């Protein structure tokens, strides 16, 4: 039996990329999915493009937010509308390989797992392959995840029947990392599909492109999410930076 997969996609002014993103979902070899797009009050042609797809494919569902509330709020809105057994995440500028869902669902079932992710490759804003592959420890422990987010948001999938829908505060940054930490705290170890199944688009204006924002938002995970005091959070952040800048680099490979 092919259970339904709910694909969570927040959108905001992504007219340049959203068509390719939707097409990468439509090209999946696993066809039992619903793509739930929550648009955060886009002012460009994003809505028109999504509506065009939704008219011709009833698996594509659009929810329009009346005002801009941020990516986390849009993601939670889409998640609340989800009806699938499995929850998968995809940002509006990233792409999936055609066999992404099929391989991951089979991996979950074969190994009796409730959460998995995969490696991924990188492309630039124009879609050019950067020959850069991001891998992870295999298996991935909670302790390893605690000091570095090895899980690419565009690759993660979890069993909502097992965990429930994991909805976090929308004001918190690095919402994706907090979700994986919530999951790993429960299951202790996660196993990835040890091959690339998606393309992550590196954009000049993305949060991850700013080193200062990276430090600020990740510090918030220790201070706000884990609720550690200021001094201990600073010490943890130093360990995070060491892991991010030294240890994680061995999992980023030229291909």
Foldseek 3Di string as FASTA:
>chain_A
DQWEEEEFEEDAQPVVAQLQAVVLVVLAPRHRYAYEYEYQPHPDCPVVSLVVVCVVDVSYHYHYDPHHDDDLVSRLVSLVPDDTQKYAYDYRRKHFHRHQVVVVVVVCVVVVHFKEFEKAFEAENVRHGPQKIFGDDFWDFLVNLLLPPSHDRNTMMGGCVVVNRDRDDSVAPPVVSLVVNVVRVVVGIYGYPYDHGIYDYDYCPDQVNDPVSVLVRSLCCVCPVVVDDDVVSVVSSVSSVCCVVPVSVVRMDGD
